[in-house]
């Protein structure tokens, strides 16, 4: 699977449809998942290369609950492909 900005955007959309806020910020942090004031947030470090940003989201895709009922068919297909095959891009 190719790492592209489109893949990053698709992963962001999957999380947002499942109730997570996805933020991109610069800083000295790894990036990941946290809860702030009862809001589920995913923070991605924009100083990381695109591949690392995508890998953070794929790792979280395997760890966090995703509401498949809110996803369209293409998003479900991507989710299934990534979670079933445990693809590491």
PDB file of N, CA and C in Angstrom:
ATOM      1  N   UNK A   1       0.848  -1.178   0.000  1.00  0.00           N
ATOM      2  CA  UNK A   1       0.000   0.000   0.000  1.00  0.00           C
ATOM      3  C   UNK A   1       0.893   1.240   0.000  1.00  0.00           C
ATOM      4  N   UNK A   2       0.588   2.164  -0.873  1.00  0.00           N
ATOM      5  CA  UNK A   2       1.381   3.381  -0.973  1.00  0.00           C
ATOM      6  C   UNK A   2       0.984   4.381   0.100  1.00  0.00           C
ATOM      7  N   UNK A   3       1.994   5.045   0.624  1.00  0.00           N
ATOM      8  CA  UNK A   3       1.759   6.095   1.606  1.00  0.00           C
ATOM      9  C   UNK A   3       1.585   7.407   0.855  1.00  0.00           C
ATOM     10  N   UNK A   4       0.393   7.977   0.986  1.00  0.00           N
ATOM     11  CA  UNK A   4       0.093   9.231   0.304  1.00  0.00           C
ATOM     12  C   UNK A   4      -0.684  10.147   1.245  1.00  0.00           C
ATOM     13  N   UNK A   5      -0.770  11.392   0.873  1.00  0.00           N
ATOM     14  CA  UNK A   5      -1.598  12.341   1.642  1.00  0.00           C
ATOM     15  C   UNK A   5      -3.063  11.888   1.605  1.00  0.00           C
ATOM     16  N   UNK A   6      -3.460  11.267   0.487  1.00  0.00           N
ATOM     17  CA  UNK A   6      -4.839  10.776   0.371  1.00  0.00           C
ATOM     18  C   UNK A   6      -5.114   9.702   1.427  1.00  0.00           C
ATOM     19  N   UNK A   7      -4.170   8.788   1.636  1.00  0.00           N
ATOM     20  CA  UNK A   7      -4.329   7.758   2.664  1.00  0.00           C
ATOM     21  C   UNK A   7      -4.417   8.399   4.046  1.00  0.00           C
ATOM     22  N   UNK A   8      -3.581   9.398   4.309  1.00  0.00           N
ATOM     23  CA  UNK A   8      -3.618  10.112   5.582  1.00  0.00           C
ATOM     24  C   UNK A   8      -4.991  10.742   5.799  1.00  0.00           C
ATOM     25  N   UNK A   9      -5.521  11.364   4.757  1.00  0.00           N
ATOM     26  CA  UNK A   9      -6.843  11.997   4.845  1.00  0.00           C
ATOM     27  C   UNK A   9      -7.942  10.956   5.072  1.00  0.00           C
ATOM     28  N   UNK A  10      -7.847   9.809   4.403  1.00  0.00           N
ATOM     29  CA  UNK A  10      -8.853   8.759   4.581  1.00  0.00           C
ATOM     30  C   UNK A  10      -8.842   8.229   6.017  1.00  0.00           C
ATOM     31  N   UNK A  11      -7.657   8.029   6.563  1.00  0.00           N
ATOM     32  CA  UNK A  11      -7.555   7.557   7.948  1.00  0.00           C
ATOM     33  C   UNK A  11      -8.121   8.601   8.908  1.00  0.00           C
ATOM     34  N   UNK A  12      -7.821   9.851   8.669  1.00  0.00           N
ATOM     35  CA  UNK A  12      -8.346  10.944   9.497  1.00  0.00           C
ATOM     36  C   UNK A  12      -9.874  10.922   9.474  1.00  0.00           C
ATOM     37  N   UNK A  13     -10.454  10.737   8.300  1.00  0.00           N
ATOM     38  CA  UNK A  13     -11.909  10.703   8.153  1.00  0.00           C
ATOM     39  C   UNK A  13     -12.516   9.540   8.930  1.00  0.00           C
ATOM     40  N   UNK A  14     -11.898   8.377   8.873  1.00  0.00           N
ATOM     41  CA  UNK A  14     -12.402   7.213   9.616  1.00  0.00           C
ATOM     42  C   UNK A  14     -12.466   7.529  11.106  1.00  0.00           C
ATOM     43  N   UNK A  15     -11.422   8.128  11.637  1.00  0.00           N
ATOM     44  CA  UNK A  15     -11.416   8.470  13.062  1.00  0.00           C
ATOM     45  C   UNK A  15     -12.454   9.538  13.382  1.00  0.00           C
ATOM     46  N   UNK A  16     -12.551  10.554  12.554  1.00  0.00           N
ATOM     47  CA  UNK A  16     -13.507  11.627  12.815  1.00  0.00           C
ATOM     48  C   UNK A  16     -14.945  11.109  12.798  1.00  0.00           C
ATOM     49  N   UNK A  17     -15.253  10.212  11.887  1.00  0.00           N
ATOM     50  CA  UNK A  17     -16.600   9.648  11.831  1.00  0.00           C
ATOM     51  C   UNK A  17     -16.897   8.758  13.039  1.00  0.00           C
ATOM     52  N   UNK A  18     -15.849   8.311  13.723  1.00  0.00           N
ATOM     53  CA  UNK A  18     -16.026   7.478  14.917  1.00  0.00           C
ATOM     54  C   UNK A  18     -15.960   8.303  16.204  1.00  0.00           C
ATOM     55  N   UNK A  19     -15.965   9.618  16.068  1.00  0.00           N
ATOM     56  CA  UNK A  19     -16.054  10.483  17.233  1.00  0.00           C
ATOM     57  C   UNK A  19     -14.735  10.996  17.791  1.00  0.00           C
ATOM     58  N   UNK A  20     -13.667  10.821  17.069  1.00  0.00           N
ATOM     59  CA  UNK A  20     -12.363  11.310  17.521  1.00  0.00           C
ATOM     60  C   UNK A  20     -12.038  12.633  16.819  1.00  0.00           C
ATOM     61  N   UNK A  21     -11.400  13.530  17.552  1.00  0.00           N
ATOM     62  CA  UNK A  21     -10.876  14.751  16.943  1.00  0.00           C
ATOM     63  C   UNK A  21      -9.434  14.463  16.553  1.00  0.00           C
ATOM     64  N   UNK A  22      -9.102  14.720  15.301  1.00  0.00           N
ATOM     65  CA  UNK A  22      -7.739  14.491  14.825  1.00  0.00           C
ATOM     66  C   UNK A  22      -7.103  15.854  14.595  1.00  0.00           C
ATOM     67  N   UNK A  23      -5.997  16.084  15.301  1.00  0.00           N
ATOM     68  CA  UNK A  23      -5.292  17.362  15.192  1.00  0.00           C
ATOM     69  C   UNK A  23      -3.872  17.134  14.689  1.00  0.00           C
ATOM     70  N   UNK A  24      -3.405  18.056  13.903  1.00  0.00           N
ATOM     71  CA  UNK A  24      -2.030  18.034  13.419  1.00  0.00           C
ATOM     72  C   UNK A  24      -1.326  19.243  14.016  1.00  0.00           C
ATOM     73  N   UNK A  25      -0.194  18.995  14.690  1.00  0.00           N
ATOM     74  CA  UNK A  25       0.529  20.078  15.355  1.00  0.00           C
ATOM     75  C   UNK A  25       2.024  19.804  15.327  1.00  0.00           C
ATOM     76  N   UNK A  26       2.780  20.879  15.436  1.00  0.00           N
ATOM     77  CA  UNK A  26       4.238  20.760  15.520  1.00  0.00           C
ATOM     78  C   UNK A  26       4.634  20.732  16.984  1.00  0.00           C
ATOM     79  N   UNK A  27       5.669  19.963  17.287  1.00  0.00           N
ATOM     80  CA  UNK A  27       6.146  19.947  18.662  1.00  0.00           C
ATOM     81  C   UNK A  27       7.098  18.812  18.923  1.00  0.00           C
ATOM     82  N   UNK A  28       7.512  18.742  20.161  1.00  0.00           N
ATOM     83  CA  UNK A  28       8.433  17.684  20.586  1.00  0.00           C
ATOM     84  C   UNK A  28       7.646  16.586  21.302  1.00  0.00           C
ATOM     85  N   UNK A  29       6.889  15.848  20.532  1.00  0.00           N
ATOM     86  CA  UNK A  29       6.092  14.756  21.069  1.00  0.00           C
ATOM     87  C   UNK A  29       5.960  13.679  20.010  1.00  0.00           C
ATOM     88  N   UNK A  30       5.600  12.488  20.434  1.00  0.00           N
ATOM     89  CA  UNK A  30       5.501  11.353  19.525  1.00  0.00           C
ATOM     90  C   UNK A  30       4.205  11.354  18.729  1.00  0.00           C
ATOM     91  N   UNK A  31       3.138  11.817  19.310  1.00  0.00           N
ATOM     92  CA  UNK A  31       1.823  11.738  18.676  1.00  0.00           C
ATOM     93  C   UNK A  31       1.101  10.509  19.188  1.00  0.00           C
ATOM     94  N   UNK A  32      -0.213  10.585  19.211  1.00  0.00           N
ATOM     95  CA  UNK A  32      -0.992   9.460  19.699  1.00  0.00           C
ATOM     96  C   UNK A  32      -2.363   9.893  20.148  1.00  0.00           C
ATOM     97  N   UNK A  33      -2.940   9.132  21.076  1.00  0.00           N
ATOM     98  CA  UNK A  33      -4.317   9.304  21.509  1.00  0.00           C
ATOM     99  C   UNK A  33      -4.356   9.789  22.941  1.00  0.00           C
ATOM    100  N   UNK A  34      -5.299  10.695  23.229  1.00  0.00           N
ATOM    101  CA  UNK A  34      -5.505  11.133  24.606  1.00  0.00           C
ATOM    102  C   UNK A  34      -6.946  11.605  24.771  1.00  0.00           C
ATOM    103  N   UNK A  35      -7.349  11.767  26.014  1.00  0.00           N
ATOM    104  CA  UNK A  35      -8.669  12.326  26.316  1.00  0.00           C
ATOM    105  C   UNK A  35      -8.433  13.641  27.038  1.00  0.00           C
ATOM    106  N   UNK A  36      -8.990  14.729  26.484  1.00  0.00           N
ATOM    107  CA  UNK A  36      -8.862  16.061  27.069  1.00  0.00           C
ATOM    108  C   UNK A  36     -10.268  16.615  27.247  1.00  0.00           C
ATOM    109  N   UNK A  37     -10.618  16.908  28.494  1.00  0.00           N
ATOM    110  CA  UNK A  37     -11.947  17.461  28.793  1.00  0.00           C
ATOM    111  C   UNK A  37     -13.060  16.633  28.151  1.00  0.00           C
ATOM    112  N   UNK A  38     -12.999  15.336  28.341  1.00  0.00           N
ATOM    113  CA  UNK A  38     -14.003  14.388  27.844  1.00  0.00           C
ATOM    114  C   UNK A  38     -14.045  14.285  26.309  1.00  0.00           C
ATOM    115  N   UNK A  39     -13.057  14.842  25.623  1.00  0.00           N
ATOM    116  CA  UNK A  39     -13.003  14.739  24.160  1.00  0.00           C
ATOM    117  C   UNK A  39     -11.914  13.756  23.773  1.00  0.00           C
ATOM    118  N   UNK A  40     -12.264  12.845  22.881  1.00  0.00           N
ATOM    119  CA  UNK A  40     -11.291  11.874  22.384  1.00  0.00           C
ATOM    120  C   UNK A  40     -10.469  12.548  21.294  1.00  0.00           C
ATOM    121  N   UNK A  41      -9.164  12.663  21.537  1.00  0.00           N
ATOM    122  CA  UNK A  41      -8.314  13.380  20.599  1.00  0.00           C
ATOM    123  C   UNK A  41      -7.141  12.527  20.143  1.00  0.00           C
ATOM    124  N   UNK A  42      -6.806  12.689  18.879  1.00  0.00           N
ATOM    125  CA  UNK A  42      -5.609  12.082  18.306  1.00  0.00           C
ATOM    126  C   UNK A  42      -4.749  13.239  17.828  1.00  0.00           C
ATOM    127  N   UNK A  43      -3.511  13.261  18.292  1.00  0.00           N
ATOM    128  CA  UNK A  43      -2.591  14.328  17.923  1.00  0.00           C
ATOM    129  C   UNK A  43      -1.492  13.742  17.047  1.00  0.00           C
ATOM    130  N   UNK A  44      -1.286  14.325  15.881  1.00  0.00           N
ATOM    131  CA  UNK A  44      -0.258  13.878  14.949  1.00  0.00           C
ATOM    132  C   UNK A  44       0.786  14.990  14.822  1.00  0.00           C
ATOM    133  N   UNK A  45       2.041  14.621  14.985  1.00  0.00           N
ATOM    134  CA  UNK A  45       3.133  15.583  14.903  1.00  0.00           C
ATOM    135  C   UNK A  45       3.471  15.841  13.433  1.00  0.00           C
ATOM    136  N   UNK A  46       3.290  17.080  12.993  1.00  0.00           N
ATOM    137  CA  UNK A  46       3.550  17.420  11.592  1.00  0.00           C
ATOM    138  C   UNK A  46       5.038  17.505  11.274  1.00  0.00           C
ATOM    139  N   UNK A  47       5.882  17.469  12.292  1.00  0.00           N
ATOM    140  CA  UNK A  47       7.321  17.445  12.047  1.00  0.00           C
ATOM    141  C   UNK A  47       7.785  16.053  11.612  1.00  0.00           C
ATOM    142  N   UNK A  48       6.949  15.046  11.858  1.00  0.00           N
ATOM    143  CA  UNK A  48       7.265  13.684  11.429  1.00  0.00           C
ATOM    144  C   UNK A  48       7.061  13.569   9.920  1.00  0.00           C
ATOM    145  N   UNK A  49       7.800  12.662   9.270  1.00  0.00           N
ATOM    146  CA  UNK A  49       7.552  12.409   7.848  1.00  0.00           C
ATOM    147  C   UNK A  49       6.156  11.804   7.645  1.00  0.00           C
ATOM    148  N   UNK A  50       5.649  11.912   6.442  1.00  0.00           N
ATOM    149  CA  UNK A  50       4.320  11.407   6.104  1.00  0.00           C
ATOM    150  C   UNK A  50       4.163   9.943   6.512  1.00  0.00           C
ATOM    151  N   UNK A  51       5.175   9.127   6.269  1.00  0.00           N
ATOM    152  CA  UNK A  51       5.114   7.701   6.616  1.00  0.00           C
ATOM    153  C   UNK A  51       4.869   7.505   8.106  1.00  0.00           C
ATOM    154  N   UNK A  52       5.529   8.270   8.938  1.00  0.00           N
ATOM    155  CA  UNK A  52       5.352   8.155  10.385  1.00  0.00           C
ATOM    156  C   UNK A  52       3.958   8.609  10.813  1.00  0.00           C
ATOM    157  N   UNK A  53       3.457   9.652  10.196  1.00  0.00           N
ATOM    158  CA  UNK A  53       2.105  10.128  10.518  1.00  0.00           C
ATOM    159  C   UNK A  53       1.067   9.054  10.206  1.00  0.00           C
ATOM    160  N   UNK A  54       1.211   8.426   9.037  1.00  0.00           N
ATOM    161  CA  UNK A  54       0.289   7.358   8.641  1.00  0.00           C
ATOM    162  C   UNK A  54       0.425   6.166   9.589  1.00  0.00           C
ATOM    163  N   UNK A  55       1.649   5.804   9.951  1.00  0.00           N
ATOM    164  CA  UNK A  55       1.859   4.666  10.853  1.00  0.00           C
ATOM    165  C   UNK A  55       1.242   4.890  12.224  1.00  0.00           C
ATOM    166  N   UNK A  56       1.289   6.118  12.733  1.00  0.00           N
ATOM    167  CA  UNK A  56       0.637   6.418  14.019  1.00  0.00           C
ATOM    168  C   UNK A  56      -0.855   6.140  13.911  1.00  0.00           C
ATOM    169  N   UNK A  57      -1.478   6.596  12.831  1.00  0.00           N
ATOM    170  CA  UNK A  57      -2.920   6.385  12.671  1.00  0.00           C
ATOM    171  C   UNK A  57      -3.262   4.912  12.470  1.00  0.00           C
ATOM    172  N   UNK A  58      -2.445   4.190  11.717  1.00  0.00           N
ATOM    173  CA  UNK A  58      -2.706   2.757  11.532  1.00  0.00           C
ATOM    174  C   UNK A  58      -2.582   2.019  12.863  1.00  0.00           C
ATOM    175  N   UNK A  59      -1.572   2.353  13.640  1.00  0.00           N
ATOM    176  CA  UNK A  59      -1.408   1.730  14.957  1.00  0.00           C
ATOM    177  C   UNK A  59      -2.635   2.010  15.833  1.00  0.00           C
ATOM    178  N   UNK A  60      -3.109   3.241  15.829  1.00  0.00           N
ATOM    179  CA  UNK A  60      -4.284   3.584  16.630  1.00  0.00           C
ATOM    180  C   UNK A  60      -5.547   2.923  16.087  1.00  0.00           C
ATOM    181  N   UNK A  61      -5.602   2.705  14.788  1.00  0.00           N
ATOM    182  CA  UNK A  61      -6.745   2.028  14.172  1.00  0.00           C
ATOM    183  C   UNK A  61      -6.918   0.636  14.766  1.00  0.00           C
ATOM    184  N   UNK A  62      -5.795   0.006  15.089  1.00  0.00           N
ATOM    185  CA  UNK A  62      -5.810  -1.337  15.676  1.00  0.00           C
ATOM    186  C   UNK A  62      -6.133  -1.305  17.173  1.00  0.00           C
ATOM    187  N   UNK A  63      -5.934  -0.155  17.822  1.00  0.00           N
ATOM    188  CA  UNK A  63      -6.070  -0.065  19.273  1.00  0.00           C
ATOM    189  C   UNK A  63      -7.402   0.521  19.745  1.00  0.00           C
ATOM    190  N   UNK A  64      -7.989   1.410  18.975  1.00  0.00           N
ATOM    191  CA  UNK A  64      -9.176   2.148  19.405  1.00  0.00           C
ATOM    192  C   UNK A  64     -10.440   1.593  18.756  1.00  0.00           C
ATOM    193  N   UNK A  65     -11.570   1.693  19.457  1.00  0.00           N
ATOM    194  CA  UNK A  65     -12.831   1.236  18.856  1.00  0.00           C
ATOM    195  C   UNK A  65     -13.263   2.170  17.720  1.00  0.00           C
ATOM    196  N   UNK A  66     -13.664   1.576  16.614  1.00  0.00           N
ATOM    197  CA  UNK A  66     -14.121   2.315  15.436  1.00  0.00           C
ATOM    198  C   UNK A  66     -15.578   1.953  15.181  1.00  0.00           C
ATOM    199  N   UNK A  67     -16.422   2.955  14.983  1.00  0.00           N
ATOM    200  CA  UNK A  67     -17.845   2.749  14.725  1.00  0.00           C
ATOM    201  C   UNK A  67     -18.048   2.523  13.224  1.00  0.00           C
ATOM    202  N   UNK A  68     -18.061   1.264  12.822  1.00  0.00           N
ATOM    203  CA  UNK A  68     -18.188   0.928  11.402  1.00  0.00           C
ATOM    204  C   UNK A  68     -19.518   1.363  10.799  1.00  0.00           C
ATOM    205  N   UNK A  69     -20.545   1.516  11.617  1.00  0.00           N
ATOM    206  CA  UNK A  69     -21.854   1.911  11.094  1.00  0.00           C
ATOM    207  C   UNK A  69     -21.843   3.334  10.532  1.00  0.00           C
ATOM    208  N   UNK A  70     -20.869   4.124  10.907  1.00  0.00           N
ATOM    209  CA  UNK A  70     -20.782   5.509  10.420  1.00  0.00           C
ATOM    210  C   UNK A  70     -19.918   5.644   9.159  1.00  0.00           C
ATOM    211  N   UNK A  71     -19.274   4.567   8.752  1.00  0.00           N
ATOM    212  CA  UNK A  71     -18.368   4.624   7.611  1.00  0.00           C
ATOM    213  C   UNK A  71     -19.083   4.250   6.324  1.00  0.00           C
ATOM    214  N   UNK A  72     -18.654   4.860   5.212  1.00  0.00           N
ATOM    215  CA  UNK A  72     -19.194   4.448   3.919  1.00  0.00           C
ATOM    216  C   UNK A  72     -18.461   3.185   3.469  1.00  0.00           C
ATOM    217  N   UNK A  73     -18.854   2.640   2.337  1.00  0.00           N
ATOM    218  CA  UNK A  73     -18.299   1.361   1.887  1.00  0.00           C
ATOM    219  C   UNK A  73     -16.789   1.424   1.639  1.00  0.00           C
ATOM    220  N   UNK A  74     -16.306   2.502   1.024  1.00  0.00           N
ATOM    221  CA  UNK A  74     -14.873   2.622   0.753  1.00  0.00           C
ATOM    222  C   UNK A  74     -14.071   2.709   2.046  1.00  0.00           C
ATOM    223  N   UNK A  75     -14.605   3.425   3.020  1.00  0.00           N
ATOM    224  CA  UNK A  75     -13.922   3.541   4.315  1.00  0.00           C
ATOM    225  C   UNK A  75     -13.913   2.208   5.053  1.00  0.00           C
ATOM    226  N   UNK A  76     -15.022   1.482   4.986  1.00  0.00           N
ATOM    227  CA  UNK A  76     -15.084   0.151   5.607  1.00  0.00           C
ATOM    228  C   UNK A  76     -14.082  -0.794   4.949  1.00  0.00           C
ATOM    229  N   UNK A  77     -13.993  -0.703   3.627  1.00  0.00           N
ATOM    230  CA  UNK A  77     -13.059  -1.550   2.888  1.00  0.00           C
ATOM    231  C   UNK A  77     -11.611  -1.254   3.299  1.00  0.00           C
ATOM    232  N   UNK A  78     -11.272   0.018   3.417  1.00  0.00           N
ATOM    233  CA  UNK A  78      -9.921   0.403   3.849  1.00  0.00           C
ATOM    234  C   UNK A  78      -9.664  -0.078   5.270  1.00  0.00           C
ATOM    235  N   UNK A  79     -10.619   0.121   6.160  1.00  0.00           N
ATOM    236  CA  UNK A  79     -10.476  -0.330   7.544  1.00  0.00           C
ATOM    237  C   UNK A  79     -10.251  -1.836   7.597  1.00  0.00           C
ATOM    238  N   UNK A  80     -11.054  -2.586   6.873  1.00  0.00           N
ATOM    239  CA  UNK A  80     -10.938  -4.044   6.851  1.00  0.00           C
ATOM    240  C   UNK A  80      -9.589  -4.473   6.297  1.00  0.00           C
ATOM    241  N   UNK A  81      -9.181  -3.845   5.224  1.00  0.00           N
ATOM    242  CA  UNK A  81      -7.902  -4.181   4.600  1.00  0.00           C
ATOM    243  C   UNK A  81      -6.744  -3.945   5.571  1.00  0.00           C
ATOM    244  N   UNK A  82      -6.763  -2.814   6.253  1.00  0.00           N
ATOM    245  CA  UNK A  82      -5.673  -2.486   7.177  1.00  0.00           C
ATOM    246  C   UNK A  82      -5.711  -3.345   8.435  1.00  0.00           C
ATOM    247  N   UNK A  83      -6.892  -3.585   8.972  1.00  0.00           N
ATOM    248  CA  UNK A  83      -6.963  -4.336  10.231  1.00  0.00           C
ATOM    249  C   UNK A  83      -6.823  -5.839  10.024  1.00  0.00           C
ATOM    250  N   UNK A  84      -7.314  -6.364   8.913  1.00  0.00           N
ATOM    251  CA  UNK A  84      -7.243  -7.801   8.684  1.00  0.00           C
ATOM    252  C   UNK A  84      -5.831  -8.241   8.367  1.00  0.00           C
ATOM    253  N   UNK A  85      -5.159  -7.491   7.524  1.00  0.00           N
ATOM    254  CA  UNK A  85      -3.841  -7.908   7.087  1.00  0.00           C
ATOM    255  C   UNK A  85      -2.721  -7.372   7.971  1.00  0.00           C
ATOM    256  N   UNK A  86      -3.075  -6.500   8.922  1.00  0.00           N
ATOM    257  CA  UNK A  86      -2.080  -5.898   9.818  1.00  0.00           C
ATOM    258  C   UNK A  86      -0.956  -5.262   9.012  1.00  0.00           C
ATOM    259  N   UNK A  87      -1.339  -4.576   7.956  1.00  0.00           N
ATOM    260  CA  UNK A  87      -0.371  -3.937   7.071  1.00  0.00           C
ATOM    261  C   UNK A  87       0.399  -2.871   7.844  1.00  0.00           C
ATOM    262  N   UNK A  88       1.686  -2.900   7.701  1.00  0.00           N
ATOM    263  CA  UNK A  88       2.535  -1.844   8.237  1.00  0.00           C
ATOM    264  C   UNK A  88       3.149  -1.144   7.049  1.00  0.00           C
ATOM    265  N   UNK A  89       2.722   0.067   6.803  1.00  0.00           N
ATOM    266  CA  UNK A  89       3.251   0.795   5.652  1.00  0.00           C
ATOM    267  C   UNK A  89       4.447   1.621   6.056  1.00  0.00           C
TER     268      UNK A  89
END
